[in-house]
Amino acid sequence: AVERAYEQVIAAVLPSIVQITTQTGLGSGIIYDTAGHIVTNAHVIGDARSFEVSPATGGTPRAARLVESFPIGDLAVIKVDDARGLVPARFGDASRLRVGQMVLAMGNPLGLSGSVTEGIISALGRTVSEPEGRGSPGATITNAIQTSAPINPGNSGGALVNLSGQVVGIPTLAATNPELAGAAAPGIGFAIPCSTVTDIAGQIIRDGKVTNTRRAALGVTVSGAVGVDGRPAGANVIRVTPGGGADRAGIRAGDRVTSVNGIETSTVAALSEVLATLKPGQTVKVEITRQDGSTATVDVRLDELPSE
């Protein structure tokens, strides 16, 4: 019965999956609507503005162009010039996901078009940071779906699908194991939930850009700080946004953020992960170390993270 269900889901959903080719690599995408919009990961498209899109089920490649990229959430929308015959995917309801549900990951791992792997939803509500790349800070994904379905290079931007044939997430990254020299940890992959995908893609298609990130920000630009022992020691404030939350609270350039609401922020990624669990407008207690070595705890009313 499960085998039959798999076959039916693959037959229904695979026509909505595409391979995206850029000058620097390959990735996957999901046909979003009949107008030719395709949603994928921002890291799949990188800095490219034009693409070649091929159906995962085979067929003639089509030219596509960038609509908008949202790197902080690792999502992007591109649009094919010729949308004839495209089959949009159906998106599910993220609030109905349960740990243990069977899922299929569809995409183009290693350029192998139309590949399908299977697994379960292992956990929900994860906050995960991606590694930095191309000089940009890695995205922080909120409410990520953890899955045991293998996620390989090229799977990014494809679809995590339930047995009702609905897209429940976009597979985005595999966990890495530091003990294996940073190689992928088998059976631990993460997907952006469909609720985030439809929210961000909807804004980009409607407004040409993300107008509401729904993410919290301190209102500072930071870089990693290292202590005398060579270990991470917080986030150095390089710049304070004038009139923002940190500015209003008296945080200055040169201060070092060491915790938010009692949670240690020893790295920039740790700070991003804490902020990702909070909402704009919330007030938080931020512990800082001044340049003279004195410490202070200030109340900061969080801003909304800009989309740029």
C-alpha atoms as a PDB file:
ATOM      1  CA  ALA A   1       0.000   0.000   0.000  1.00  0.00           C
ATOM      2  CA  VAL A   2       2.848   2.369   0.848  1.00  0.00           C
ATOM      3  CA  GLU A   3       4.606   1.536  -2.403  1.00  0.00           C
ATOM      4  CA  ARG A   4       1.462   2.345  -4.375  1.00  0.00           C
ATOM      5  CA  ALA A   5       1.087   5.622  -2.463  1.00  0.00           C
ATOM      6  CA  TYR A   6       4.701   6.544  -3.278  1.00  0.00           C
ATOM      7  CA  GLU A   7       4.115   5.843  -6.974  1.00  0.00           C
ATOM      8  CA  GLN A   8       0.972   7.981  -7.045  1.00  0.00           C
ATOM      9  CA  VAL A   9       2.615  10.899  -5.224  1.00  0.00           C
ATOM     10  CA  ILE A  10       5.688  10.828  -7.477  1.00  0.00           C
ATOM     11  CA  ALA A  11       3.525  10.726 -10.613  1.00  0.00           C
ATOM     12  CA  ALA A  12       1.479  13.669  -9.317  1.00  0.00           C
ATOM     13  CA  VAL A  13       4.272  15.920  -8.020  1.00  0.00           C
ATOM     14  CA  LEU A  14       7.382  15.287 -10.135  1.00  0.00           C
ATOM     15  CA  PRO A  15       5.996  17.271 -13.133  1.00  0.00           C
ATOM     16  CA  SER A  16       6.037  20.335 -10.809  1.00  0.00           C
ATOM     17  CA  ILE A  17       9.772  19.976 -10.033  1.00  0.00           C
ATOM     18  CA  VAL A  18      12.432  21.587 -12.213  1.00  0.00           C
ATOM     19  CA  GLN A  19      16.195  21.585 -12.508  1.00  0.00           C
ATOM     20  CA  ILE A  20      17.702  25.078 -12.400  1.00  0.00           C
ATOM     21  CA  THR A  21      21.026  25.560 -14.175  1.00  0.00           C
ATOM     22  CA  THR A  22      23.212  28.599 -13.493  1.00  0.00           C
ATOM     23  CA  GLN A  23      26.728  29.303 -14.729  1.00  0.00           C
ATOM     24  CA  THR A  24      28.092  28.052 -11.408  1.00  0.00           C
ATOM     25  CA  GLY A  25      25.941  25.030 -10.628  1.00  0.00           C
ATOM     26  CA  LEU A  26      22.707  23.089 -10.477  1.00  0.00           C
ATOM     27  CA  GLY A  27      19.771  23.074  -8.121  1.00  0.00           C
ATOM     28  CA  SER A  28      16.068  22.373  -7.961  1.00  0.00           C
ATOM     29  CA  GLY A  29      12.910  24.452  -7.964  1.00  0.00           C
ATOM     30  CA  ILE A  30       9.143  24.105  -7.592  1.00  0.00           C
ATOM     31  CA  ILE A  31       6.628  25.450 -10.116  1.00  0.00           C
ATOM     32  CA  TYR A  32       4.570  27.869  -8.020  1.00  0.00           C
ATOM     33  CA  ASP A  33       1.820  29.072 -10.368  1.00  0.00           C
ATOM     34  CA  THR A  34       0.573  28.992 -13.960  1.00  0.00           C
ATOM     35  CA  ALA A  35       2.178  32.407 -14.619  1.00  0.00           C
ATOM     36  CA  GLY A  36       5.581  30.711 -14.617  1.00  0.00           C
ATOM     37  CA  HIS A  37       6.891  31.621 -11.164  1.00  0.00           C
ATOM     38  CA  ILE A  38       9.279  29.077  -9.644  1.00  0.00           C
ATOM     39  CA  VAL A  39      10.374  29.072  -6.002  1.00  0.00           C
ATOM     40  CA  THR A  40      13.808  27.835  -4.966  1.00  0.00           C
ATOM     41  CA  ASN A  41      16.615  28.480  -2.468  1.00  0.00           C
ATOM     42  CA  ALA A  42      18.515  31.761  -2.695  1.00  0.00           C
ATOM     43  CA  HIS A  43      21.795  29.842  -2.446  1.00  0.00           C
ATOM     44  CA  VAL A  44      20.876  27.831  -5.563  1.00  0.00           C
ATOM     45  CA  ILE A  45      20.802  30.940  -7.737  1.00  0.00           C
ATOM     46  CA  GLY A  46      23.602  32.860  -6.001  1.00  0.00           C
ATOM     47  CA  ASP A  47      24.361  36.084  -7.847  1.00  0.00           C
ATOM     48  CA  ALA A  48      22.898  34.914 -11.169  1.00  0.00           C
ATOM     49  CA  ARG A  49      20.099  36.840 -12.881  1.00  0.00           C
ATOM     50  CA  SER A  50      19.245  34.475 -15.732  1.00  0.00           C
ATOM     51  CA  PHE A  51      18.793  30.707 -15.724  1.00  0.00           C
ATOM     52  CA  GLU A  52      17.901  27.642 -17.688  1.00  0.00           C
ATOM     53  CA  VAL A  53      15.006  25.632 -16.274  1.00  0.00           C
ATOM     54  CA  SER A  54      14.356  22.007 -17.266  1.00  0.00           C
ATOM     55  CA  PRO A  55      11.393  19.870 -16.136  1.00  0.00           C
ATOM     56  CA  ALA A  56      12.479  17.029 -13.822  1.00  0.00           C
ATOM     57  CA  THR A  57      10.417  14.669 -15.992  1.00  0.00           C
ATOM     58  CA  GLY A  58      12.338  15.678 -19.137  1.00  0.00           C
ATOM     59  CA  GLY A  59      11.544  18.188 -21.831  1.00  0.00           C
ATOM     60  CA  THR A  60      12.918  21.291 -23.467  1.00  0.00           C
ATOM     61  CA  PRO A  61      14.841  23.719 -21.236  1.00  0.00           C
ATOM     62  CA  ARG A  62      13.262  27.157 -20.842  1.00  0.00           C
ATOM     63  CA  ALA A  63      14.885  30.517 -20.154  1.00  0.00           C
ATOM     64  CA  ALA A  64      14.110  32.131 -16.793  1.00  0.00           C
ATOM     65  CA  ARG A  65      15.033  35.351 -15.010  1.00  0.00           C
ATOM     66  CA  LEU A  66      15.278  36.401 -11.374  1.00  0.00           C
ATOM     67  CA  VAL A  67      12.246  38.092  -9.810  1.00  0.00           C
ATOM     68  CA  GLU A  68      13.756  38.575  -6.341  1.00  0.00           C
ATOM     69  CA  SER A  69      16.030  36.812  -3.896  1.00  0.00           C
ATOM     70  CA  PHE A  70      15.649  36.758  -0.088  1.00  0.00           C
ATOM     71  CA  PRO A  71      19.043  35.524   1.154  1.00  0.00           C
ATOM     72  CA  ILE A  72      18.389  35.896   4.900  1.00  0.00           C
ATOM     73  CA  GLY A  73      15.624  33.301   4.581  1.00  0.00           C
ATOM     74  CA  ASP A  74      17.333  31.396   1.729  1.00  0.00           C
ATOM     75  CA  LEU A  75      14.398  31.718  -0.665  1.00  0.00           C
ATOM     76  CA  ALA A  76      14.114  33.148  -4.171  1.00  0.00           C
ATOM     77  CA  VAL A  77      11.555  33.402  -6.959  1.00  0.00           C
ATOM     78  CA  ILE A  78      12.456  33.148 -10.649  1.00  0.00           C
ATOM     79  CA  LYS A  79      10.101  33.289 -13.647  1.00  0.00           C
ATOM     80  CA  VAL A  80      10.200  31.437 -16.949  1.00  0.00           C
ATOM     81  CA  ASP A  81       9.467  33.411 -20.097  1.00  0.00           C
ATOM     82  CA  ASP A  82       7.287  30.661 -21.550  1.00  0.00           C
ATOM     83  CA  ALA A  83       4.876  29.266 -18.947  1.00  0.00           C
ATOM     84  CA  ARG A  84       2.811  27.097 -21.313  1.00  0.00           C
ATOM     85  CA  GLY A  85       2.005  23.657 -19.946  1.00  0.00           C
ATOM     86  CA  LEU A  86       3.561  24.225 -16.518  1.00  0.00           C
ATOM     87  CA  VAL A  87       1.947  22.267 -13.679  1.00  0.00           C
ATOM     88  CA  PRO A  88       2.029  24.150 -10.340  1.00  0.00           C
ATOM     89  CA  ALA A  89       2.616  22.159  -7.157  1.00  0.00           C
ATOM     90  CA  ARG A  90       0.034  21.995  -4.383  1.00  0.00           C
ATOM     91  CA  PHE A  91       1.273  23.318  -1.047  1.00  0.00           C
ATOM     92  CA  GLY A  92       0.216  21.762   2.256  1.00  0.00           C
ATOM     93  CA  ASP A  93      -0.605  23.140   5.701  1.00  0.00           C
ATOM     94  CA  ALA A  94       2.498  23.311   7.928  1.00  0.00           C
ATOM     95  CA  SER A  95       0.358  23.381  11.079  1.00  0.00           C
ATOM     96  CA  ARG A  96      -0.821  19.834  10.293  1.00  0.00           C
ATOM     97  CA  LEU A  97       2.672  18.333  10.125  1.00  0.00           C
ATOM     98  CA  ARG A  98       3.480  15.684  12.712  1.00  0.00           C
ATOM     99  CA  VAL A  99       6.705  13.968  13.713  1.00  0.00           C
ATOM    100  CA  GLY A 100       6.733  10.489  12.176  1.00  0.00           C
ATOM    101  CA  GLN A 101       4.862  11.410   8.993  1.00  0.00           C
ATOM    102  CA  MET A 102       6.351   9.849   5.871  1.00  0.00           C
ATOM    103  CA  VAL A 103       7.764  12.285   3.329  1.00  0.00           C
ATOM    104  CA  LEU A 104       9.516  12.175  -0.044  1.00  0.00           C
ATOM    105  CA  ALA A 105      12.288  14.567  -1.109  1.00  0.00           C
ATOM    106  CA  MET A 106      12.224  15.349  -4.834  1.00  0.00           C
ATOM    107  CA  GLY A 107      14.892  17.202  -6.746  1.00  0.00           C
ATOM    108  CA  ASN A 108      18.027  16.879  -8.814  1.00  0.00           C
ATOM    109  CA  PRO A 109      20.828  15.744  -6.493  1.00  0.00           C
ATOM    110  CA  LEU A 110      24.242  15.819  -8.203  1.00  0.00           C
ATOM    111  CA  GLY A 111      22.439  16.719 -11.430  1.00  0.00           C
ATOM    112  CA  LEU A 112      20.477  13.448 -11.450  1.00  0.00           C
ATOM    113  CA  SER A 113      17.219  14.879 -12.689  1.00  0.00           C
ATOM    114  CA  GLY A 114      13.961  13.789 -11.062  1.00  0.00           C
ATOM    115  CA  SER A 115      15.468  11.860  -8.137  1.00  0.00           C
ATOM    116  CA  VAL A 116      13.277  10.877  -5.179  1.00  0.00           C
ATOM    117  CA  THR A 117      14.360   9.862  -1.661  1.00  0.00           C
ATOM    118  CA  GLU A 118      12.161   8.891   1.264  1.00  0.00           C
ATOM    119  CA  GLY A 119      12.125   9.357   5.009  1.00  0.00           C
ATOM    120  CA  ILE A 120      10.059  10.736   7.854  1.00  0.00           C
ATOM    121  CA  ILE A 121       9.617  14.051   9.604  1.00  0.00           C
ATOM    122  CA  SER A 122      12.101  13.645  12.463  1.00  0.00           C
ATOM    123  CA  ALA A 123      11.417  16.924  14.289  1.00  0.00           C
ATOM    124  CA  LEU A 124       9.618  20.245  13.849  1.00  0.00           C
ATOM    125  CA  GLY A 125      10.370  23.817  14.864  1.00  0.00           C
ATOM    126  CA  ARG A 126      14.142  23.651  14.501  1.00  0.00           C
ATOM    127  CA  THR A 127      16.193  26.841  14.142  1.00  0.00           C
ATOM    128  CA  VAL A 128      19.237  26.167  11.974  1.00  0.00           C
ATOM    129  CA  SER A 129      21.993  28.391  10.608  1.00  0.00           C
ATOM    130  CA  GLU A 130      23.566  27.794   7.242  1.00  0.00           C
ATOM    131  CA  PRO A 131      27.313  28.187   6.750  1.00  0.00           C
ATOM    132  CA  GLU A 132      28.549  31.511   5.403  1.00  0.00           C
ATOM    133  CA  GLY A 133      29.209  31.648   1.690  1.00  0.00           C
ATOM    134  CA  ARG A 134      30.305  34.089  -1.005  1.00  0.00           C
ATOM    135  CA  GLY A 135      31.102  36.678   1.657  1.00  0.00           C
ATOM    136  CA  SER A 136      27.516  36.791   2.919  1.00  0.00           C
ATOM    137  CA  PRO A 137      26.384  35.607   6.350  1.00  0.00           C
ATOM    138  CA  GLY A 138      24.592  32.275   6.276  1.00  0.00           C
ATOM    139  CA  ALA A 139      20.802  32.305   6.377  1.00  0.00           C
ATOM    140  CA  THR A 140      18.998  31.390   9.585  1.00  0.00           C
ATOM    141  CA  ILE A 141      15.992  29.161   8.958  1.00  0.00           C
ATOM    142  CA  THR A 142      13.190  29.314  11.501  1.00  0.00           C
ATOM    143  CA  ASN A 143      10.648  26.555  12.180  1.00  0.00           C
ATOM    144  CA  ALA A 144      12.697  24.224   9.999  1.00  0.00           C
ATOM    145  CA  ILE A 145      11.482  20.678   9.365  1.00  0.00           C
ATOM    146  CA  GLN A 146      14.073  18.038  10.235  1.00  0.00           C
ATOM    147  CA  THR A 147      13.806  14.988   7.997  1.00  0.00           C
ATOM    148  CA  SER A 148      15.555  11.650   7.601  1.00  0.00           C
ATOM    149  CA  ALA A 149      15.048  11.782   3.810  1.00  0.00           C
ATOM    150  CA  PRO A 150      18.556  12.129   2.327  1.00  0.00           C
ATOM    151  CA  ILE A 151      19.315  15.700   1.195  1.00  0.00           C
ATOM    152  CA  ASN A 152      22.218  15.829  -1.267  1.00  0.00           C
ATOM    153  CA  PRO A 153      23.827  18.714  -3.193  1.00  0.00           C
ATOM    154  CA  GLY A 154      21.395  19.671  -5.956  1.00  0.00           C
ATOM    155  CA  ASN A 155      18.370  18.647  -3.860  1.00  0.00           C
ATOM    156  CA  SER A 156      18.283  22.221  -2.563  1.00  0.00           C
ATOM    157  CA  GLY A 157      15.231  24.133  -3.732  1.00  0.00           C
ATOM    158  CA  GLY A 158      13.270  20.976  -4.492  1.00  0.00           C
ATOM    159  CA  ALA A 159      10.238  19.646  -2.663  1.00  0.00           C
ATOM    160  CA  LEU A 160       9.590  17.767   0.563  1.00  0.00           C
ATOM    161  CA  VAL A 161       6.226  16.141  -0.111  1.00  0.00           C
ATOM    162  CA  ASN A 162       3.656  14.336   2.054  1.00  0.00           C
ATOM    163  CA  LEU A 163       1.749  11.252   0.931  1.00  0.00           C
ATOM    164  CA  SER A 164      -1.218  13.447  -0.042  1.00  0.00           C
ATOM    165  CA  GLY A 165       0.965  14.906  -2.795  1.00  0.00           C
ATOM    166  CA  GLN A 166       1.341  18.283  -1.095  1.00  0.00           C
ATOM    167  CA  VAL A 167       4.614  20.195  -0.802  1.00  0.00           C
ATOM    168  CA  VAL A 168       5.280  20.643   2.929  1.00  0.00           C
ATOM    169  CA  GLY A 169       8.761  22.156   2.662  1.00  0.00           C
ATOM    170  CA  ILE A 170      11.810  22.983   0.547  1.00  0.00           C
ATOM    171  CA  PRO A 171      14.860  20.807   1.355  1.00  0.00           C
ATOM    172  CA  THR A 172      17.644  23.287   1.994  1.00  0.00           C
ATOM    173  CA  LEU A 173      20.609  21.809   3.814  1.00  0.00           C
ATOM    174  CA  ALA A 174      22.031  18.650   5.311  1.00  0.00           C
ATOM    175  CA  ALA A 175      23.535  18.686   8.787  1.00  0.00           C
ATOM    176  CA  THR A 176      27.309  18.369   8.870  1.00  0.00           C
ATOM    177  CA  ASN A 177      29.297  16.281  11.313  1.00  0.00           C
ATOM    178  CA  PRO A 178      32.415  18.056  12.647  1.00  0.00           C
ATOM    179  CA  GLU A 179      33.884  14.647  13.552  1.00  0.00           C
ATOM    180  CA  LEU A 180      33.691  13.660   9.877  1.00  0.00           C
ATOM    181  CA  ALA A 181      35.618  16.757   8.739  1.00  0.00           C
ATOM    182  CA  GLY A 182      32.383  18.577   7.997  1.00  0.00           C
ATOM    183  CA  ALA A 183      30.924  15.811   5.824  1.00  0.00           C
ATOM    184  CA  ALA A 184      27.141  15.460   5.736  1.00  0.00           C
ATOM    185  CA  ALA A 185      25.640  13.694   8.735  1.00  0.00           C
ATOM    186  CA  PRO A 186      23.490  10.870   7.299  1.00  0.00           C
ATOM    187  CA  GLY A 187      19.761  11.069   7.937  1.00  0.00           C
ATOM    188  CA  ILE A 188      19.643  14.672   9.162  1.00  0.00           C
ATOM    189  CA  GLY A 189      18.367  17.210   6.659  1.00  0.00           C
ATOM    190  CA  PHE A 190      16.418  20.432   7.052  1.00  0.00           C
ATOM    191  CA  ALA A 191      13.619  21.962   5.002  1.00  0.00           C
ATOM    192  CA  ILE A 192      12.010  25.408   5.020  1.00  0.00           C
ATOM    193  CA  PRO A 193       8.316  24.874   5.956  1.00  0.00           C
ATOM    194  CA  CYS A 194       5.655  25.474   3.301  1.00  0.00           C
ATOM    195  CA  SER A 195       4.048  28.251   5.389  1.00  0.00           C
ATOM    196  CA  THR A 196       7.242  30.319   5.128  1.00  0.00           C
ATOM    197  CA  VAL A 197       7.645  29.456   1.431  1.00  0.00           C
ATOM    198  CA  THR A 198       4.143  30.602   0.455  1.00  0.00           C
ATOM    199  CA  ASP A 199       4.378  33.728   2.649  1.00  0.00           C
ATOM    200  CA  ILE A 200       7.709  34.908   1.194  1.00  0.00           C
ATOM    201  CA  ALA A 201       7.009  33.803  -2.401  1.00  0.00           C
ATOM    202  CA  GLY A 202       3.591  35.459  -2.231  1.00  0.00           C
ATOM    203  CA  GLN A 203       5.125  38.772  -1.146  1.00  0.00           C
ATOM    204  CA  ILE A 204       7.785  38.631  -3.882  1.00  0.00           C
ATOM    205  CA  ILE A 205       5.232  37.836  -6.608  1.00  0.00           C
ATOM    206  CA  ARG A 206       2.776  40.484  -5.382  1.00  0.00           C
ATOM    207  CA  ASP A 207       5.190  43.315  -4.490  1.00  0.00           C
ATOM    208  CA  GLY A 208       8.420  42.428  -6.295  1.00  0.00           C
ATOM    209  CA  LYS A 209      10.211  42.149  -2.962  1.00  0.00           C
ATOM    210  CA  VAL A 210       9.779  40.964   0.626  1.00  0.00           C
ATOM    211  CA  THR A 211       7.904  43.717   2.451  1.00  0.00           C
ATOM    212  CA  ASN A 212       7.484  41.949   5.807  1.00  0.00           C
ATOM    213  CA  THR A 213      10.188  39.532   6.935  1.00  0.00           C
ATOM    214  CA  ARG A 214       8.343  38.753  10.219  1.00  0.00           C
ATOM    215  CA  ARG A 215      11.848  38.470  11.721  1.00  0.00           C
ATOM    216  CA  ALA A 216      13.253  40.358  14.694  1.00  0.00           C
ATOM    217  CA  ALA A 217      16.425  42.466  14.614  1.00  0.00           C
ATOM    218  CA  LEU A 218      18.490  44.287  17.247  1.00  0.00           C
ATOM    219  CA  GLY A 219      19.301  47.113  14.856  1.00  0.00           C
ATOM    220  CA  VAL A 220      23.046  46.457  14.743  1.00  0.00           C
ATOM    221  CA  THR A 221      25.656  45.157  12.312  1.00  0.00           C
ATOM    222  CA  VAL A 222      27.951  42.667  14.039  1.00  0.00           C
ATOM    223  CA  SER A 223      31.045  40.548  13.503  1.00  0.00           C
ATOM    224  CA  GLY A 224      32.408  37.643  15.523  1.00  0.00           C
ATOM    225  CA  ALA A 225      34.495  38.457  18.614  1.00  0.00           C
ATOM    226  CA  VAL A 226      37.306  36.240  19.866  1.00  0.00           C
ATOM    227  CA  GLY A 227      38.582  36.159  23.455  1.00  0.00           C
ATOM    228  CA  VAL A 228      42.214  36.037  24.580  1.00  0.00           C
ATOM    229  CA  ASP A 229      41.931  32.239  24.722  1.00  0.00           C
ATOM    230  CA  GLY A 230      41.018  32.165  21.021  1.00  0.00           C
ATOM    231  CA  ARG A 231      37.436  31.105  21.694  1.00  0.00           C
ATOM    232  CA  PRO A 232      34.285  32.864  20.419  1.00  0.00           C
ATOM    233  CA  ALA A 233      33.393  35.645  22.851  1.00  0.00           C
ATOM    234  CA  GLY A 234      30.272  37.288  21.482  1.00  0.00           C
ATOM    235  CA  ALA A 235      29.209  39.567  18.649  1.00  0.00           C
ATOM    236  CA  ASN A 236      31.100  42.836  18.158  1.00  0.00           C
ATOM    237  CA  VAL A 237      28.866  45.766  17.248  1.00  0.00           C
ATOM    238  CA  ILE A 238      30.371  47.411  14.153  1.00  0.00           C
ATOM    239  CA  ARG A 239      27.468  49.715  13.395  1.00  0.00           C
ATOM    240  CA  VAL A 240      24.245  50.774  15.120  1.00  0.00           C
ATOM    241  CA  THR A 241      21.187  51.568  12.975  1.00  0.00           C
ATOM    242  CA  PRO A 242      20.191  55.177  13.794  1.00  0.00           C
ATOM    243  CA  GLY A 243      16.833  55.279  15.581  1.00  0.00           C
ATOM    244  CA  GLY A 244      16.679  51.482  15.864  1.00  0.00           C
ATOM    245  CA  GLY A 245      16.134  49.370  18.958  1.00  0.00           C
ATOM    246  CA  ALA A 246      19.804  49.099  19.934  1.00  0.00           C
ATOM    247  CA  ASP A 247      20.346  52.830  19.361  1.00  0.00           C
ATOM    248  CA  ARG A 248      17.382  53.711  21.592  1.00  0.00           C
ATOM    249  CA  ALA A 249      18.737  51.381  24.303  1.00  0.00           C
ATOM    250  CA  GLY A 250      22.173  53.016  24.286  1.00  0.00           C
ATOM    251  CA  ILE A 251      24.139  50.249  22.562  1.00  0.00           C
ATOM    252  CA  ARG A 252      27.140  51.730  20.739  1.00  0.00           C
ATOM    253  CA  ALA A 253      29.643  50.637  18.107  1.00  0.00           C
ATOM    254  CA  GLY A 254      32.483  48.841  19.886  1.00  0.00           C
ATOM    255  CA  ASP A 255      30.174  47.134  22.393  1.00  0.00           C
ATOM    256  CA  ARG A 256      30.090  43.345  22.440  1.00  0.00           C
ATOM    257  CA  VAL A 257      26.757  41.475  22.710  1.00  0.00           C
ATOM    258  CA  THR A 258      27.219  38.435  24.972  1.00  0.00           C
ATOM    259  CA  SER A 259      23.643  37.303  25.677  1.00  0.00           C
ATOM    260  CA  VAL A 260      19.987  37.939  24.821  1.00  0.00           C
ATOM    261  CA  ASN A 261      17.322  37.080  27.401  1.00  0.00           C
ATOM    262  CA  GLY A 262      19.929  35.085  29.320  1.00  0.00           C
ATOM    263  CA  ILE A 263      20.889  32.952  26.304  1.00  0.00           C
ATOM    264  CA  GLU A 264      24.605  33.156  25.539  1.00  0.00           C
ATOM    265  CA  THR A 265      25.432  34.599  22.106  1.00  0.00           C
ATOM    266  CA  SER A 266      29.071  33.607  21.739  1.00  0.00           C
ATOM    267  CA  THR A 267      28.954  33.753  17.922  1.00  0.00           C
ATOM    268  CA  VAL A 268      27.133  35.760  15.252  1.00  0.00           C
ATOM    269  CA  ALA A 269      25.231  32.575  14.302  1.00  0.00           C
ATOM    270  CA  ALA A 270      24.155  32.082  17.935  1.00  0.00           C
ATOM    271  CA  LEU A 271      22.856  35.667  18.038  1.00  0.00           C
ATOM    272  CA  SER A 272      20.969  35.129  14.760  1.00  0.00           C
ATOM    273  CA  GLU A 273      19.426  31.917  16.087  1.00  0.00           C
ATOM    274  CA  VAL A 274      18.196  33.596  19.291  1.00  0.00           C
ATOM    275  CA  LEU A 275      16.724  36.529  17.348  1.00  0.00           C
ATOM    276  CA  ALA A 276      15.067  34.122  14.906  1.00  0.00           C
ATOM    277  CA  THR A 277      12.909  32.775  17.742  1.00  0.00           C
ATOM    278  CA  LEU A 278      11.690  36.274  18.682  1.00  0.00           C
ATOM    279  CA  LYS A 279       9.256  38.727  17.088  1.00  0.00           C
ATOM    280  CA  PRO A 280       9.532  42.411  16.095  1.00  0.00           C
ATOM    281  CA  GLY A 281       8.170  44.628  18.876  1.00  0.00           C
ATOM    282  CA  GLN A 282       9.212  42.284  21.688  1.00  0.00           C
ATOM    283  CA  THR A 283      11.438  43.729  24.415  1.00  0.00           C
ATOM    284  CA  VAL A 284      14.484  41.667  25.361  1.00  0.00           C
ATOM    285  CA  LYS A 285      17.314  41.949  27.881  1.00  0.00           C
ATOM    286  CA  VAL A 286      20.647  42.301  26.083  1.00  0.00           C
ATOM    287  CA  GLU A 287      23.901  41.850  27.980  1.00  0.00           C
ATOM    288  CA  ILE A 288      26.818  43.822  26.569  1.00  0.00           C
ATOM    289  CA  THR A 289      30.470  44.355  27.383  1.00  0.00           C
ATOM    290  CA  ARG A 290      31.701  47.897  26.762  1.00  0.00           C
ATOM    291  CA  GLN A 291      35.104  48.685  25.274  1.00  0.00           C
ATOM    292  CA  ASP A 292      36.396  49.617  28.749  1.00  0.00           C
ATOM    293  CA  GLY A 293      35.502  46.116  29.983  1.00  0.00           C
ATOM    294  CA  SER A 294      32.435  47.150  32.006  1.00  0.00           C
ATOM    295  CA  THR A 295      29.222  45.185  31.491  1.00  0.00           C
ATOM    296  CA  ALA A 296      25.634  46.349  31.237  1.00  0.00           C
ATOM    297  CA  THR A 297      22.213  44.820  30.646  1.00  0.00           C
ATOM    298  CA  VAL A 298      19.856  46.939  28.558  1.00  0.00           C
ATOM    299  CA  ASP A 299      16.242  46.516  27.450  1.00  0.00           C
ATOM    300  CA  VAL A 300      15.921  46.552  23.657  1.00  0.00           C
ATOM    301  CA  ARG A 301      12.622  46.732  21.789  1.00  0.00           C
ATOM    302  CA  LEU A 302      13.268  44.616  18.713  1.00  0.00           C
ATOM    303  CA  ASP A 303      12.956  46.032  15.199  1.00  0.00           C
ATOM    304  CA  GLU A 304      11.856  44.159  12.102  1.00  0.00           C
ATOM    305  CA  LEU A 305      14.735  42.614  10.180  1.00  0.00           C
ATOM    306  CA  PRO A 306      14.990  44.360   6.790  1.00  0.00           C
ATOM    307  CA  SER A 307      14.834  42.087   3.754  1.00  0.00           C
ATOM    308  CA  GLU A 308      18.113  43.408   2.329  1.00  0.00           C
END
